[in-house]
Amino acid sequence: MEWMPLYLFAAVFVLLLFGYPVAFTLAGTALIFSVIGQTTGSFDPDFLEALP
């Protein structure tokens, strides 16, 4: 799991190079990586319920 932040950074960088808007890129990759974190057990889904 130590490599996951680097994968997140690389995914954001690649998606921004494709021309997607910054807000959609950051929100989409954050949600995708939160699902990956939930399936691996390293991210608690209660954090997503705290969002307004």
PDB file of N, CA and C in Angstrom:
ATOM      1  N   MET A   1       0.808  -1.204   0.000  1.00  0.00           N
ATOM      2  CA  MET A   1       0.000   0.000   0.000  1.00  0.00           C
ATOM      3  C   MET A   1       0.849   1.264   0.000  1.00  0.00           C
ATOM      4  N   GLU A   2       2.167   1.117   0.136  1.00  0.00           N
ATOM      5  CA  GLU A   2       3.001   2.317   0.120  1.00  0.00           C
ATOM      6  C   GLU A   2       3.065   2.956  -1.265  1.00  0.00           C
ATOM      7  N   TRP A   3       2.724   2.202  -2.297  1.00  0.00           N
ATOM      8  CA  TRP A   3       2.797   2.707  -3.659  1.00  0.00           C
ATOM      9  C   TRP A   3       1.505   3.371  -4.115  1.00  0.00           C
ATOM     10  N   MET A   4       0.453   3.239  -3.350  1.00  0.00           N
ATOM     11  CA  MET A   4      -0.847   3.758  -3.774  1.00  0.00           C
ATOM     12  C   MET A   4      -0.847   5.282  -3.984  1.00  0.00           C
ATOM     13  N   PRO A   5      -0.196   6.090  -3.134  1.00  0.00           N
ATOM     14  CA  PRO A   5      -0.171   7.536  -3.428  1.00  0.00           C
ATOM     15  C   PRO A   5       0.540   7.869  -4.738  1.00  0.00           C
ATOM     16  N   LEU A   6       1.557   7.109  -5.078  1.00  0.00           N
ATOM     17  CA  LEU A   6       2.235   7.346  -6.358  1.00  0.00           C
ATOM     18  C   LEU A   6       1.343   6.968  -7.536  1.00  0.00           C
ATOM     19  N   TYR A   7       0.579   5.894  -7.384  1.00  0.00           N
ATOM     20  CA  TYR A   7      -0.378   5.526  -8.430  1.00  0.00           C
ATOM     21  C   TYR A   7      -1.452   6.598  -8.586  1.00  0.00           C
ATOM     22  N   LEU A   8      -1.902   7.158  -7.471  1.00  0.00           N
ATOM     23  CA  LEU A   8      -2.904   8.222  -7.512  1.00  0.00           C
ATOM     24  C   LEU A   8      -2.348   9.448  -8.228  1.00  0.00           C
ATOM     25  N   PHE A   9      -1.131   9.827  -7.886  1.00  0.00           N
ATOM     26  CA  PHE A   9      -0.506  10.983  -8.534  1.00  0.00           C
ATOM     27  C   PHE A   9      -0.325  10.736 -10.032  1.00  0.00           C
ATOM     28  N   ALA A  10       0.107   9.544 -10.397  1.00  0.00           N
ATOM     29  CA  ALA A  10       0.298   9.221 -11.811  1.00  0.00           C
ATOM     30  C   ALA A  10      -1.029   9.224 -12.561  1.00  0.00           C
ATOM     31  N   ALA A  11      -2.081   8.712 -11.934  1.00  0.00           N
ATOM     32  CA  ALA A  11      -3.390   8.695 -12.586  1.00  0.00           C
ATOM     33  C   ALA A  11      -3.906  10.112 -12.813  1.00  0.00           C
ATOM     34  N   VAL A  12      -3.746  10.979 -11.823  1.00  0.00           N
ATOM     35  CA  VAL A  12      -4.176  12.373 -11.984  1.00  0.00           C
ATOM     36  C   VAL A  12      -3.375  13.041 -13.094  1.00  0.00           C
ATOM     37  N   PHE A  13      -2.081  12.795 -13.119  1.00  0.00           N
ATOM     38  CA  PHE A  13      -1.222  13.403 -14.136  1.00  0.00           C
ATOM     39  C   PHE A  13      -1.621  12.947 -15.537  1.00  0.00           C
ATOM     40  N   VAL A  14      -1.852  11.649 -15.703  1.00  0.00           N
ATOM     41  CA  VAL A  14      -2.209  11.118 -17.022  1.00  0.00           C
ATOM     42  C   VAL A  14      -3.577  11.627 -17.461  1.00  0.00           C
ATOM     43  N   LEU A  15      -4.538  11.648 -16.550  1.00  0.00           N
ATOM     44  CA  LEU A  15      -5.869  12.128 -16.928  1.00  0.00           C
ATOM     45  C   LEU A  15      -5.863  13.615 -17.256  1.00  0.00           C
ATOM     46  N   LEU A  16      -5.032  14.385 -16.568  1.00  0.00           N
ATOM     47  CA  LEU A  16      -4.925  15.800 -16.917  1.00  0.00           C
ATOM     48  C   LEU A  16      -4.274  15.981 -18.284  1.00  0.00           C
ATOM     49  N   LEU A  17      -3.342  15.100 -18.635  1.00  0.00           N
ATOM     50  CA  LEU A  17      -2.732  15.174 -19.963  1.00  0.00           C
ATOM     51  C   LEU A  17      -3.731  14.826 -21.064  1.00  0.00           C
ATOM     52  N   PHE A  18      -4.741  14.011 -20.749  1.00  0.00           N
ATOM     53  CA  PHE A  18      -5.781  13.693 -21.725  1.00  0.00           C
ATOM     54  C   PHE A  18      -6.704  14.872 -21.980  1.00  0.00           C
ATOM     55  N   GLY A  19      -6.669  15.880 -21.116  1.00  0.00           N
ATOM     56  CA  GLY A  19      -7.459  17.073 -21.347  1.00  0.00           C
ATOM     57  C   GLY A  19      -8.736  17.173 -20.544  1.00  0.00           C
ATOM     58  N   TYR A  20      -8.921  16.283 -19.582  1.00  0.00           N
ATOM     59  CA  TYR A  20     -10.108  16.371 -18.736  1.00  0.00           C
ATOM     60  C   TYR A  20      -9.993  17.571 -17.799  1.00  0.00           C
ATOM     61  N   PRO A  21     -11.101  18.201 -17.439  1.00  0.00           N
ATOM     62  CA  PRO A  21     -11.051  19.330 -16.507  1.00  0.00           C
ATOM     63  C   PRO A  21     -10.491  18.901 -15.147  1.00  0.00           C
ATOM     64  N   VAL A  22      -9.851  19.837 -14.489  1.00  0.00           N
ATOM     65  CA  VAL A  22      -9.153  19.541 -13.238  1.00  0.00           C
ATOM     66  C   VAL A  22     -10.121  19.056 -12.161  1.00  0.00           C
ATOM     67  N   ALA A  23     -11.264  19.707 -12.025  1.00  0.00           N
ATOM     68  CA  ALA A  23     -12.210  19.331 -10.970  1.00  0.00           C
ATOM     69  C   ALA A  23     -12.725  17.911 -11.173  1.00  0.00           C
ATOM     70  N   PHE A  24     -13.057  17.553 -12.412  1.00  0.00           N
ATOM     71  CA  PHE A  24     -13.546  16.203 -12.681  1.00  0.00           C
ATOM     72  C   PHE A  24     -12.446  15.169 -12.498  1.00  0.00           C
ATOM     73  N   THR A  25     -11.236  15.527 -12.876  1.00  0.00           N
ATOM     74  CA  THR A  25     -10.114  14.603 -12.726  1.00  0.00           C
ATOM     75  C   THR A  25      -9.828  14.321 -11.264  1.00  0.00           C
ATOM     76  N   LEU A  26      -9.767  15.360 -10.449  1.00  0.00           N
ATOM     77  CA  LEU A  26      -9.474  15.163  -9.028  1.00  0.00           C
ATOM     78  C   LEU A  26     -10.597  14.412  -8.321  1.00  0.00           C
ATOM     79  N   ALA A  27     -11.836  14.773  -8.618  1.00  0.00           N
ATOM     80  CA  ALA A  27     -12.964  14.098  -7.969  1.00  0.00           C
ATOM     81  C   ALA A  27     -13.079  12.649  -8.422  1.00  0.00           C
ATOM     82  N   GLY A  28     -12.923  12.415  -9.695  1.00  0.00           N
ATOM     83  CA  GLY A  28     -13.053  11.056 -10.214  1.00  0.00           C
ATOM     84  C   GLY A  28     -11.967  10.124  -9.724  1.00  0.00           C
ATOM     85  N   THR A  29     -10.730  10.584  -9.759  1.00  0.00           N
ATOM     86  CA  THR A  29      -9.650   9.716  -9.289  1.00  0.00           C
ATOM     87  C   THR A  29      -9.734   9.499  -7.783  1.00  0.00           C
ATOM     88  N   ALA A  30     -10.187  10.491  -7.046  1.00  0.00           N
ATOM     89  CA  ALA A  30     -10.342  10.304  -5.596  1.00  0.00           C
ATOM     90  C   ALA A  30     -11.404   9.253  -5.303  1.00  0.00           C
ATOM     91  N   LEU A  31     -12.512   9.289  -6.029  1.00  0.00           N
ATOM     92  CA  LEU A  31     -13.558   8.284  -5.813  1.00  0.00           C
ATOM     93  C   LEU A  31     -13.107   6.892  -6.244  1.00  0.00           C
ATOM     94  N   ILE A  32     -12.405   6.816  -7.354  1.00  0.00           N
ATOM     95  CA  ILE A  32     -11.919   5.515  -7.823  1.00  0.00           C
ATOM     96  C   ILE A  32     -10.926   4.920  -6.832  1.00  0.00           C
ATOM     97  N   PHE A  33     -10.008   5.743  -6.341  1.00  0.00           N
ATOM     98  CA  PHE A  33      -9.021   5.227  -5.404  1.00  0.00           C
ATOM     99  C   PHE A  33      -9.621   4.979  -4.026  1.00  0.00           C
ATOM    100  N   SER A  34     -10.704   5.655  -3.691  1.00  0.00           N
ATOM    101  CA  SER A  34     -11.372   5.324  -2.426  1.00  0.00           C
ATOM    102  C   SER A  34     -12.055   3.965  -2.520  1.00  0.00           C
ATOM    103  N   VAL A  35     -12.607   3.634  -3.682  1.00  0.00           N
ATOM    104  CA  VAL A  35     -13.195   2.303  -3.875  1.00  0.00           C
ATOM    105  C   VAL A  35     -12.109   1.233  -3.818  1.00  0.00           C
ATOM    106  N   ILE A  36     -10.968   1.511  -4.433  1.00  0.00           N
ATOM    107  CA  ILE A  36      -9.853   0.564  -4.363  1.00  0.00           C
ATOM    108  C   ILE A  36      -9.395   0.398  -2.920  1.00  0.00           C
ATOM    109  N   GLY A  37      -9.324   1.488  -2.187  1.00  0.00           N
ATOM    110  CA  GLY A  37      -8.931   1.410  -0.783  1.00  0.00           C
ATOM    111  C   GLY A  37      -9.933   0.660   0.071  1.00  0.00           C
ATOM    112  N   GLN A  38     -11.209   0.798  -0.249  1.00  0.00           N
ATOM    113  CA  GLN A  38     -12.238   0.066   0.495  1.00  0.00           C
ATOM    114  C   GLN A  38     -12.154  -1.429   0.227  1.00  0.00           C
ATOM    115  N   THR A  39     -11.895  -1.805  -1.015  1.00  0.00           N
ATOM    116  CA  THR A  39     -11.820  -3.232  -1.332  1.00  0.00           C
ATOM    117  C   THR A  39     -10.575  -3.876  -0.744  1.00  0.00           C
ATOM    118  N   THR A  40      -9.494  -3.118  -0.602  1.00  0.00           N
ATOM    119  CA  THR A  40      -8.281  -3.681  -0.005  1.00  0.00           C
ATOM    120  C   THR A  40      -8.284  -3.560   1.509  1.00  0.00           C
ATOM    121  N   GLY A  41      -9.217  -2.797   2.063  1.00  0.00           N
ATOM    122  CA  GLY A  41      -9.324  -2.675   3.510  1.00  0.00           C
ATOM    123  C   GLY A  41      -8.459  -1.596   4.122  1.00  0.00           C
ATOM    124  N   SER A  42      -7.886  -0.729   3.310  1.00  0.00           N
ATOM    125  CA  SER A  42      -7.026   0.318   3.848  1.00  0.00           C
ATOM    126  C   SER A  42      -7.732   1.665   3.979  1.00  0.00           C
ATOM    127  N   PHE A  43      -8.999   1.746   3.564  1.00  0.00           N
ATOM    128  CA  PHE A  43      -9.754   2.992   3.635  1.00  0.00           C
ATOM    129  C   PHE A  43     -11.103   2.704   4.271  1.00  0.00           C
ATOM    130  N   ASP A  44     -11.452   3.472   5.277  1.00  0.00           N
ATOM    131  CA  ASP A  44     -12.717   3.278   5.984  1.00  0.00           C
ATOM    132  C   ASP A  44     -13.836   4.019   5.250  1.00  0.00           C
ATOM    133  N   PRO A  45     -14.922   3.346   4.878  1.00  0.00           N
ATOM    134  CA  PRO A  45     -15.993   4.017   4.134  1.00  0.00           C
ATOM    135  C   PRO A  45     -16.725   5.087   4.942  1.00  0.00           C
ATOM    136  N   ASP A  46     -16.522   5.137   6.243  1.00  0.00           N
ATOM    137  CA  ASP A  46     -17.155   6.188   7.047  1.00  0.00           C
ATOM    138  C   ASP A  46     -16.638   7.575   6.681  1.00  0.00           C
ATOM    139  N   PHE A  47     -15.448   7.655   6.105  1.00  0.00           N
ATOM    140  CA  PHE A  47     -14.926   8.954   5.684  1.00  0.00           C
ATOM    141  C   PHE A  47     -15.761   9.559   4.561  1.00  0.00           C
ATOM    142  N   LEU A  48     -16.309   8.731   3.680  1.00  0.00           N
ATOM    143  CA  LEU A  48     -17.140   9.247   2.593  1.00  0.00           C
ATOM    144  C   LEU A  48     -18.488   9.737   3.093  1.00  0.00           C
ATOM    145  N   GLU A  49     -18.976   9.179   4.187  1.00  0.00           N
ATOM    146  CA  GLU A  49     -20.249   9.625   4.749  1.00  0.00           C
ATOM    147  C   GLU A  49     -20.117  10.951   5.480  1.00  0.00           C
ATOM    148  N   ALA A  50     -18.911  11.378   5.781  1.00  0.00           N
ATOM    149  CA  ALA A  50     -18.695  12.636   6.483  1.00  0.00           C
ATOM    150  C   ALA A  50     -18.770  13.836   5.544  1.00  0.00           C
ATOM    151  N   LEU A  51     -18.770  13.581   4.235  1.00  0.00           N
ATOM    152  CA  LEU A  51     -18.832  14.680   3.278  1.00  0.00           C
ATOM    153  C   LEU A  51     -20.238  15.273   3.246  1.00  0.00           C
ATOM    154  N   PRO A  52     -20.347  16.590   3.070  1.00  0.00           N
ATOM    155  CA  PRO A  52     -21.682  17.201   3.018  1.00  0.00           C
ATOM    156  C   PRO A  52     -22.416  16.891   1.731  1.00  0.00           C
TER     157      PRO A  52
END
